[in-house]
Amino acid sequence: MKKTWFIAFWFLTLQASAQDPLREYLSQAAENNLGLKAKYAAFEASLERVAQASGLPDPTLSFGYFIKPVETRVGPQRMKFSLSQMFPWFGSLSAKGDAAAAVAQANYLQFIDAREKLMSELKSDYYKLWELQKLIKLENENLEILKSYQELTTSRISSGTAKLSDAYRVQIQMEESATNLKILNDQMAPLQRVFNRQINREVDAMVTLIDTIEVSEQALVSTDSLSHPSVAKYTELQKGAEFQSKAAKKSGLPKIGVGVDYVVVDERTDMVVPDNGNDVVMPMVSISLPIWRKQYSGAIKSAEFMKKQYQLDAQNEWDLLESKRDMQFYELQQANDEMKLYSEEITLVNKTLELVITDYTNDRVEFEEVLRLQQKLIQYKKLKLMAYRKYLDKQAVMEYLNYNVNEQ
């Protein structure tokens, strides 16, 4: 059965949060991404193979014409029609159909895995743009503060209470800040193009960025890796291998055929006999003799080896997911600790900077100290922002790693 109802529900869930631009972009990506479309097409193709695998072989219709009529008591035989149908052993077709259905389900889970991985990558790209927007805002704020310092130093130089070198120091910092700002602005366009290509829309389209993105503690909640689509697909493939083994065993049993021969008979003209010219109808039953066993035993062994392969693949994928989850959890905690640290440092530097500015206006410290603390403050704000974005990135990865097909 196709899972289109599930995909439609998933789209509706995202549309319900259309006020969140990221949700809207995720919905667009799920619907328009070319890679996802290819995965879903592969799933639909495998669905069509279910009917192919469980269908009967075509019946056989044959026709024969007697060049020299075969004389019989009731007349000469002119032509013969034969219709026959072979039937595999009981349960063969259902086993093949079940094997194909299991493969189709595995392809669907592979599509789900690709979709969730794309969602994680798209979130990460969005967070990069969001961080870039915040960095630009920080750099603009820094430039405005430096301009106010420039006015302060100019005023104090005019009054003879400051040195000309203070103005040069401010000018150097302003030029550095302006350069940083240009670099950051230049990064926006290529990042937007990368993001838009994932959604399969105009590459130069503007990406709407929200002001605040909240972190979620739900990312710290771990789930059973066996329920992740990248592992669950191997469970379906194991089932498929079991059905293939069953179908191979059934294929080694006789096939039964039924049919009918219809012979056209002309009337005799040389004498009158009972049933003169009556056509002949002859029902037939046939049975295959599967005496060459190598092909059947080989198919059974192949299915058993495939089942073992999928068991090992599932265990390996499970181990990889658990390892990734452990590492992501550690990096989440690390990013959280960094955010707390930089928040404390920002508070402390802010207080210190206020005191130093007061001291500078009273000629108790050099202006260089004011500039140093201001740049330290901007640096900590940038580091906190980077740690925040790192947390969001790891959160997106954890959401992918914790995806549970049984809860959807």
Protein backbone atom coordinates (compact mmCIF):
# COMPACT_ATOMS: atom_id res chain seq x y z
CA MET A 1 0.00 0.00 0.00
CA LYS A 2 1.34 3.41 -0.93
CA LYS A 3 2.27 5.78 1.87
CA THR A 4 1.04 8.91 0.10
CA TRP A 5 -1.44 9.51 2.91
CA PHE A 6 1.47 9.74 5.36
CA ILE A 7 3.39 12.19 3.19
CA ALA A 8 0.29 14.34 2.75
CA PHE A 9 -0.22 14.40 6.53
CA TRP A 10 3.42 15.36 7.02
CA PHE A 11 3.05 18.25 4.56
CA LEU A 12 -0.10 19.46 6.33
CA THR A 13 1.70 19.38 9.66
CA LEU A 14 4.43 21.61 8.28
CA GLN A 15 1.93 23.94 6.60
CA ALA A 16 0.20 24.42 9.95
CA SER A 17 3.32 26.24 11.11
CA ALA A 18 3.60 28.41 8.03
CA GLN A 19 4.30 31.44 10.20
CA ASP A 20 7.72 29.91 10.77
CA PRO A 21 9.69 30.45 7.52
CA LEU A 22 11.97 27.49 8.25
CA ARG A 23 8.97 25.15 8.48
CA GLU A 24 7.74 26.48 5.17
CA TYR A 25 11.14 25.91 3.56
CA LEU A 26 11.27 22.35 4.91
CA SER A 27 7.85 21.71 3.39
CA GLN A 28 9.00 23.08 0.04
CA ALA A 29 12.13 20.94 0.12
CA ALA A 30 10.15 17.80 0.92
CA GLU A 31 7.93 18.50 -2.06
CA ASN A 32 10.42 19.86 -4.60
CA ASN A 33 13.89 18.45 -3.86
CA LEU A 34 15.02 16.44 -6.89
CA GLY A 35 16.90 13.85 -4.87
CA LEU A 36 13.80 13.13 -2.79
CA LYS A 37 11.66 12.88 -5.90
CA ALA A 38 14.07 10.28 -7.27
CA LYS A 39 13.90 8.28 -4.02
CA TYR A 40 10.12 8.34 -4.05
CA ALA A 41 10.03 7.32 -7.73
CA ALA A 42 12.21 4.32 -6.83
CA PHE A 43 9.71 3.42 -4.10
CA GLU A 44 6.78 3.66 -6.50
CA ALA A 45 8.63 1.53 -9.06
CA SER A 46 9.21 -1.17 -6.42
CA LEU A 47 5.48 -1.07 -5.56
CA GLU A 48 4.64 -1.90 -9.15
CA ARG A 49 6.97 -4.92 -8.98
CA VAL A 50 4.76 -6.45 -6.27
CA ALA A 51 2.00 -7.14 -8.79
CA GLN A 52 4.55 -8.40 -11.30
CA ALA A 53 6.06 -10.85 -8.82
CA SER A 54 2.73 -12.30 -7.67
CA GLY A 55 1.17 -12.65 -11.11
CA LEU A 56 0.62 -15.89 -13.00
CA PRO A 57 2.68 -16.63 -16.10
CA ASP A 58 0.92 -15.92 -19.37
CA PRO A 59 -1.23 -18.71 -20.78
CA THR A 60 -0.09 -20.36 -24.02
CA LEU A 61 -2.24 -20.48 -27.12
CA SER A 62 -1.03 -22.51 -30.10
CA PHE A 63 -2.41 -23.30 -33.54
CA GLY A 64 -1.57 -26.14 -35.87
CA TYR A 65 -2.71 -26.84 -39.43
CA PHE A 66 -2.50 -30.33 -40.94
CA ILE A 67 -0.93 -30.05 -44.39
CA LYS A 68 -2.04 -33.59 -44.99
CA PRO A 69 -5.27 -34.14 -43.08
CA VAL A 70 -5.20 -36.99 -40.59
CA GLU A 71 -7.95 -39.39 -41.49
CA THR A 72 -10.08 -40.60 -38.59
CA ARG A 73 -13.31 -42.57 -38.32
CA VAL A 74 -15.39 -39.42 -38.05
CA GLY A 75 -13.53 -37.44 -40.70
CA PRO A 76 -10.21 -35.79 -41.57
CA GLN A 77 -8.56 -33.50 -39.01
CA ARG A 78 -7.84 -30.08 -40.52
CA MET A 79 -6.44 -27.89 -37.72
CA LYS A 80 -5.83 -27.84 -33.96
CA PHE A 81 -6.01 -25.14 -31.28
CA SER A 82 -4.33 -25.60 -27.89
CA LEU A 83 -4.73 -23.41 -24.78
CA SER A 84 -2.77 -24.13 -21.60
CA GLN A 85 -1.94 -22.43 -18.30
CA MET A 86 0.83 -23.36 -15.86
CA PHE A 87 0.30 -22.85 -12.11
CA PRO A 88 3.26 -22.66 -9.68
CA TRP A 89 3.11 -24.76 -6.55
CA PHE A 90 0.74 -23.56 -3.84
CA GLY A 91 2.14 -20.50 -2.03
CA SER A 92 4.84 -19.71 -4.61
CA LEU A 93 3.21 -16.56 -5.93
CA SER A 94 2.30 -15.20 -2.50
CA ALA A 95 5.90 -15.73 -1.31
CA LYS A 96 7.25 -13.82 -4.33
CA GLY A 97 4.70 -11.06 -3.79
CA ASP A 98 5.60 -10.80 -0.08
CA ALA A 99 9.30 -10.60 -0.97
CA ALA A 100 8.64 -7.77 -3.44
CA ALA A 101 6.42 -5.99 -0.89
CA ALA A 102 9.18 -6.15 1.74
CA VAL A 103 11.66 -4.63 -0.74
CA ALA A 104 9.13 -1.87 -1.54
CA GLN A 105 8.74 -1.12 2.18
CA ALA A 106 12.54 -0.98 2.52
CA ASN A 107 12.64 1.51 -0.37
CA TYR A 108 10.00 3.59 1.36
CA LEU A 109 12.05 3.64 4.57
CA GLN A 110 15.08 4.63 2.50
CA PHE A 111 13.04 7.54 1.15
CA ILE A 112 12.06 8.54 4.70
CA ASP A 113 15.71 8.37 5.79
CA ALA A 114 16.77 10.55 2.84
CA ARG A 115 13.97 13.02 3.62
CA GLU A 116 14.92 13.37 7.29
CA LYS A 117 18.60 13.69 6.43
CA LEU A 118 17.74 16.45 3.94
CA MET A 119 15.67 18.22 6.62
CA SER A 120 18.66 18.11 8.97
CA GLU A 121 21.01 19.49 6.31
CA LEU A 122 18.54 22.19 5.33
CA LYS A 123 18.16 23.30 8.96
CA SER A 124 21.94 23.49 9.24
CA ASP A 125 22.15 25.67 6.11
CA TYR A 126 19.38 27.91 7.47
CA TYR A 127 21.22 28.26 10.80
CA LYS A 128 24.36 29.34 8.93
CA LEU A 129 22.38 32.11 7.25
CA TRP A 130 20.80 33.05 10.58
CA GLU A 131 24.24 33.20 12.24
CA LEU A 132 25.58 35.30 9.38
CA GLN A 133 22.69 37.75 9.80
CA LYS A 134 23.47 38.02 13.52
CA LEU A 135 27.20 38.49 12.87
CA ILE A 136 26.43 41.31 10.43
CA LYS A 137 24.23 42.94 13.05
CA LEU A 138 27.00 42.60 15.66
CA GLU A 139 29.58 44.09 13.31
CA ASN A 140 27.28 47.01 12.52
CA GLU A 141 26.78 47.63 16.25
CA ASN A 142 30.54 47.48 16.75
CA LEU A 143 31.05 50.00 13.94
CA GLU A 144 28.49 52.36 15.48
CA ILE A 145 30.21 52.11 18.88
CA LEU A 146 33.58 52.81 17.27
CA LYS A 147 32.09 55.87 15.59
CA SER A 148 30.96 57.14 18.99
CA TYR A 149 34.50 56.52 20.29
CA GLN A 150 35.84 58.48 17.33
CA GLU A 151 33.65 61.42 18.28
CA LEU A 152 34.78 61.10 21.90
CA THR A 153 38.49 61.07 21.04
CA THR A 154 38.07 63.94 18.56
CA SER A 155 36.42 66.02 21.24
CA ARG A 156 39.11 65.20 23.81
CA ILE A 157 41.93 65.87 21.33
CA SER A 158 40.41 69.28 20.61
CA SER A 159 40.38 69.99 24.34
CA GLY A 160 43.95 68.74 24.70
CA THR A 161 43.04 65.83 27.03
CA ALA A 162 43.71 63.02 24.52
CA LYS A 163 46.46 62.00 22.13
CA LEU A 164 46.23 61.98 18.35
CA SER A 165 47.25 58.32 18.38
CA ASP A 166 43.91 57.51 20.06
CA ALA A 167 42.07 58.75 16.97
CA TYR A 168 44.34 56.64 14.75
CA ARG A 169 43.63 53.55 16.86
CA VAL A 170 39.90 54.08 16.48
CA GLN A 171 40.31 54.60 12.74
CA ILE A 172 42.26 51.33 12.41
CA GLN A 173 39.55 49.42 14.30
CA MET A 174 36.82 51.05 12.19
CA GLU A 175 38.54 50.05 8.95
CA GLU A 176 38.97 46.51 10.24
CA SER A 177 35.32 46.37 11.27
CA ALA A 178 34.20 47.73 7.87
CA THR A 179 36.28 45.09 6.11
CA ASN A 180 34.78 42.34 8.28
CA LEU A 181 31.33 43.68 7.50
CA LYS A 182 31.97 43.56 3.75
CA ILE A 183 33.25 40.00 3.97
CA LEU A 184 30.17 38.92 5.94
CA ASN A 185 27.79 40.62 3.49
CA ASP A 186 29.56 38.95 0.55
CA GLN A 187 29.00 35.54 2.16
CA MET A 188 25.22 35.93 2.22
CA ALA A 189 24.59 35.44 -1.52
CA PRO A 190 26.47 32.11 -1.96
CA LEU A 191 24.94 30.70 1.23
CA GLN A 192 21.47 31.65 -0.01
CA ARG A 193 22.15 29.95 -3.34
CA VAL A 194 23.19 26.74 -1.59
CA PHE A 195 20.03 26.85 0.51
CA ASN A 196 17.74 27.59 -2.46
CA ARG A 197 19.15 24.74 -4.53
CA GLN A 198 18.14 22.31 -1.78
CA ILE A 199 14.58 23.59 -2.11
CA ASN A 200 14.78 23.56 -5.92
CA ARG A 201 13.71 27.17 -6.38
CA GLU A 202 15.27 30.31 -7.87
CA VAL A 203 18.85 30.40 -6.59
CA ASP A 204 18.84 34.18 -6.10
CA ALA A 205 15.56 34.24 -4.16
CA MET A 206 15.78 35.94 -0.78
CA VAL A 207 15.65 33.67 2.27
CA THR A 208 13.43 34.97 5.07
CA LEU A 209 15.32 34.77 8.37
CA ILE A 210 13.56 34.94 11.71
CA ASP A 211 15.04 36.99 14.52
CA THR A 212 15.08 34.34 17.25
CA ILE A 213 15.53 30.58 17.10
CA GLU A 214 14.90 28.71 20.32
CA VAL A 215 16.94 25.67 21.29
CA SER A 216 15.08 22.53 22.32
CA GLU A 217 15.94 20.12 25.10
CA GLN A 218 13.98 17.44 23.23
CA ALA A 219 17.13 16.83 21.19
CA LEU A 220 18.73 15.37 24.33
CA VAL A 221 16.08 12.62 24.53
CA SER A 222 17.41 9.43 22.97
CA THR A 223 15.30 6.84 21.13
CA ASP A 224 15.76 3.24 20.05
CA SER A 225 18.05 3.11 17.01
CA LEU A 226 16.24 -0.01 15.75
CA SER A 227 13.29 2.26 14.94
CA HIS A 228 15.38 4.58 12.80
CA PRO A 229 14.56 4.22 9.06
CA SER A 230 18.20 3.55 8.13
CA VAL A 231 18.11 0.46 10.40
CA ALA A 232 14.45 -0.50 9.95
CA LYS A 233 14.93 -0.84 6.19
CA TYR A 234 17.32 -3.76 6.79
CA THR A 235 14.64 -5.46 8.90
CA GLU A 236 12.33 -5.26 5.89
CA LEU A 237 15.07 -6.55 3.59
CA GLN A 238 15.59 -9.49 5.97
CA LYS A 239 11.90 -10.28 5.67
CA GLY A 240 12.23 -10.04 1.91
CA ALA A 241 15.15 -12.48 1.95
CA GLU A 242 13.10 -14.93 4.04
CA PHE A 243 10.26 -14.77 1.52
CA GLN A 244 12.76 -15.17 -1.33
CA SER A 245 14.08 -18.32 0.36
CA LYS A 246 10.52 -19.61 0.73
CA ALA A 247 9.78 -18.78 -2.91
CA ALA A 248 12.96 -20.55 -4.03
CA LYS A 249 11.93 -23.69 -2.14
CA LYS A 250 8.46 -23.53 -3.69
CA SER A 251 10.03 -23.10 -7.14
CA GLY A 252 11.71 -26.48 -6.66
CA LEU A 253 8.31 -28.19 -6.46
CA PRO A 254 6.35 -29.33 -9.53
CA LYS A 255 4.29 -26.87 -11.52
CA ILE A 256 0.84 -27.96 -12.60
CA GLY A 257 -0.60 -27.13 -15.98
CA VAL A 258 -4.15 -27.38 -17.28
CA GLY A 259 -5.33 -26.88 -20.82
CA VAL A 260 -7.54 -27.96 -23.64
CA ASP A 261 -7.01 -29.07 -27.26
CA TYR A 262 -9.66 -28.34 -29.87
CA VAL A 263 -9.36 -30.20 -33.18
CA VAL A 264 -11.40 -29.16 -36.21
CA VAL A 265 -12.70 -32.23 -38.10
CA ASP A 266 -14.30 -32.23 -41.57
CA GLU A 267 -17.22 -34.49 -42.39
CA ARG A 268 -16.69 -37.69 -44.34
CA THR A 269 -18.33 -37.71 -47.76
CA ASP A 270 -17.70 -41.32 -48.66
CA MET A 271 -19.95 -42.85 -45.99
CA VAL A 272 -22.30 -42.04 -43.16
CA VAL A 273 -20.92 -42.73 -39.68
CA PRO A 274 -22.05 -41.78 -36.18
CA ASP A 275 -20.67 -38.38 -35.02
CA ASN A 276 -19.56 -37.63 -38.55
CA GLY A 277 -17.52 -34.38 -38.64
CA ASN A 278 -17.75 -33.72 -34.91
CA ASP A 279 -14.84 -31.60 -33.65
CA VAL A 280 -12.61 -33.03 -30.92
CA VAL A 281 -12.28 -31.39 -27.48
CA MET A 282 -9.55 -32.85 -25.26
CA PRO A 283 -8.85 -31.48 -21.71
CA MET A 284 -5.25 -31.89 -20.57
CA VAL A 285 -3.29 -31.82 -17.35
CA SER A 286 0.52 -31.54 -17.21
CA ILE A 287 3.12 -31.43 -14.49
CA SER A 288 6.71 -30.19 -14.57
CA LEU A 289 9.55 -32.37 -13.36
CA PRO A 290 12.06 -30.18 -11.43
CA ILE A 291 14.89 -32.72 -11.51
CA TRP A 292 17.77 -30.27 -12.07
CA ARG A 293 18.19 -29.14 -8.48
CA LYS A 294 21.27 -26.90 -8.65
CA GLN A 295 19.37 -23.79 -9.67
CA TYR A 296 16.87 -24.21 -6.82
CA SER A 297 19.44 -24.98 -4.13
CA GLY A 298 21.56 -22.09 -5.37
CA ALA A 299 18.60 -19.69 -5.09
CA ILE A 300 17.87 -20.90 -1.54
CA LYS A 301 21.49 -20.47 -0.43
CA SER A 302 21.65 -17.02 -2.07
CA ALA A 303 18.57 -15.92 -0.13
CA GLU A 304 20.04 -17.20 3.13
CA PHE A 305 23.31 -15.33 2.52
CA MET A 306 21.34 -12.15 1.73
CA LYS A 307 19.44 -12.51 4.99
CA LYS A 308 22.75 -12.81 6.86
CA GLN A 309 24.11 -9.79 5.00
CA TYR A 310 21.11 -7.65 5.99
CA GLN A 311 21.42 -8.75 9.62
CA LEU A 312 25.05 -7.62 9.65
CA ASP A 313 24.18 -4.38 7.81
CA ALA A 314 21.47 -3.65 10.39
CA GLN A 315 23.85 -4.23 13.30
CA ASN A 316 26.54 -2.10 11.67
CA GLU A 317 24.08 0.74 10.97
CA TRP A 318 22.82 0.51 14.55
CA ASP A 319 26.39 0.81 15.88
CA LEU A 320 27.06 3.81 13.62
CA LEU A 321 23.89 5.57 14.78
CA GLU A 322 24.70 4.97 18.44
CA SER A 323 28.25 6.28 17.94
CA LYS A 324 27.00 9.37 16.12
CA ARG A 325 24.40 9.98 18.81
CA ASP A 326 27.01 9.73 21.57
CA MET A 327 29.28 12.20 19.78
CA GLN A 328 26.45 14.62 18.99
CA PHE A 329 25.25 14.48 22.59
CA TYR A 330 28.77 15.33 23.80
CA GLU A 331 29.05 18.23 21.35
CA LEU A 332 25.60 19.48 22.35
CA GLN A 333 26.71 19.60 25.98
CA GLN A 334 29.97 21.26 24.95
CA ALA A 335 28.11 23.95 22.99
CA ASN A 336 25.77 24.50 25.92
CA ASP A 337 28.72 24.92 28.30
CA GLU A 338 30.35 27.37 25.88
CA MET A 339 27.16 29.46 25.69
CA LYS A 340 27.02 29.70 29.49
CA LEU A 341 30.70 30.60 29.68
CA TYR A 342 30.50 33.34 27.05
CA SER A 343 27.32 34.75 28.61
CA GLU A 344 29.16 35.15 31.89
CA GLU A 345 32.19 36.67 30.14
CA ILE A 346 29.99 39.15 28.25
CA THR A 347 28.35 40.28 31.48
CA LEU A 348 31.73 40.73 33.16
CA VAL A 349 33.33 42.58 30.22
CA ASN A 350 30.30 44.87 29.91
CA LYS A 351 30.62 45.93 33.53
CA THR A 352 34.39 46.36 33.19
CA LEU A 353 34.00 48.38 29.99
CA GLU A 354 31.60 50.80 31.66
CA LEU A 355 34.15 51.41 34.43
CA VAL A 356 37.05 51.77 32.00
CA ILE A 357 35.17 54.33 29.87
CA THR A 358 34.52 56.35 33.04
CA ASP A 359 38.20 56.07 33.97
CA TYR A 360 39.21 57.17 30.47
CA THR A 361 37.05 60.29 30.61
CA ASN A 362 38.75 61.06 33.92
CA ASP A 363 42.24 60.42 32.49
CA ARG A 364 42.89 57.40 34.69
CA VAL A 365 43.45 54.84 31.87
CA GLU A 366 44.72 54.89 28.31
CA PHE A 367 42.25 54.78 25.44
CA GLU A 368 43.93 51.61 24.20
CA GLU A 369 42.33 49.76 27.14
CA VAL A 370 38.88 50.95 26.08
CA LEU A 371 39.41 49.64 22.55
CA ARG A 372 40.81 46.34 23.82
CA LEU A 373 37.78 45.67 26.02
CA GLN A 374 35.36 46.72 23.29
CA GLN A 375 36.91 44.26 20.84
CA LYS A 376 36.99 41.59 23.56
CA LEU A 377 33.27 42.16 24.11
CA ILE A 378 32.50 41.79 20.41
CA GLN A 379 34.68 38.70 20.27
CA TYR A 380 32.77 37.04 23.14
CA LYS A 381 29.44 37.92 21.55
CA LYS A 382 30.58 36.32 18.31
CA LEU A 383 31.84 33.24 20.14
CA LYS A 384 28.55 32.93 22.00
CA LEU A 385 26.66 33.22 18.72
CA MET A 386 28.86 30.56 17.13
CA ALA A 387 28.30 28.26 20.11
CA TYR A 388 24.55 28.86 19.81
CA ARG A 389 24.60 27.98 16.12
CA LYS A 390 26.71 24.91 16.90
CA TYR A 391 24.07 23.82 19.39
CA LEU A 392 21.34 24.31 16.78
CA ASP A 393 23.36 22.28 14.26
CA LYS A 394 23.82 19.40 16.69
CA GLN A 395 20.18 19.66 17.66
CA ALA A 396 19.19 19.20 14.00
CA VAL A 397 21.45 16.17 13.68
CA MET A 398 20.05 14.68 16.89
CA GLU A 399 16.50 15.16 15.59
CA TYR A 400 17.51 13.12 12.54
CA LEU A 401 19.28 10.45 14.60
CA ASN A 402 16.29 10.19 16.98
CA TYR A 403 13.68 9.87 14.23
CA ASN A 404 11.35 6.97 15.04
CA VAL A 405 9.32 5.44 12.20
CA ASN A 406 6.96 3.80 14.70
CA GLU A 407 5.85 7.16 16.12
CA GLN A 408 5.02 8.82 12.80
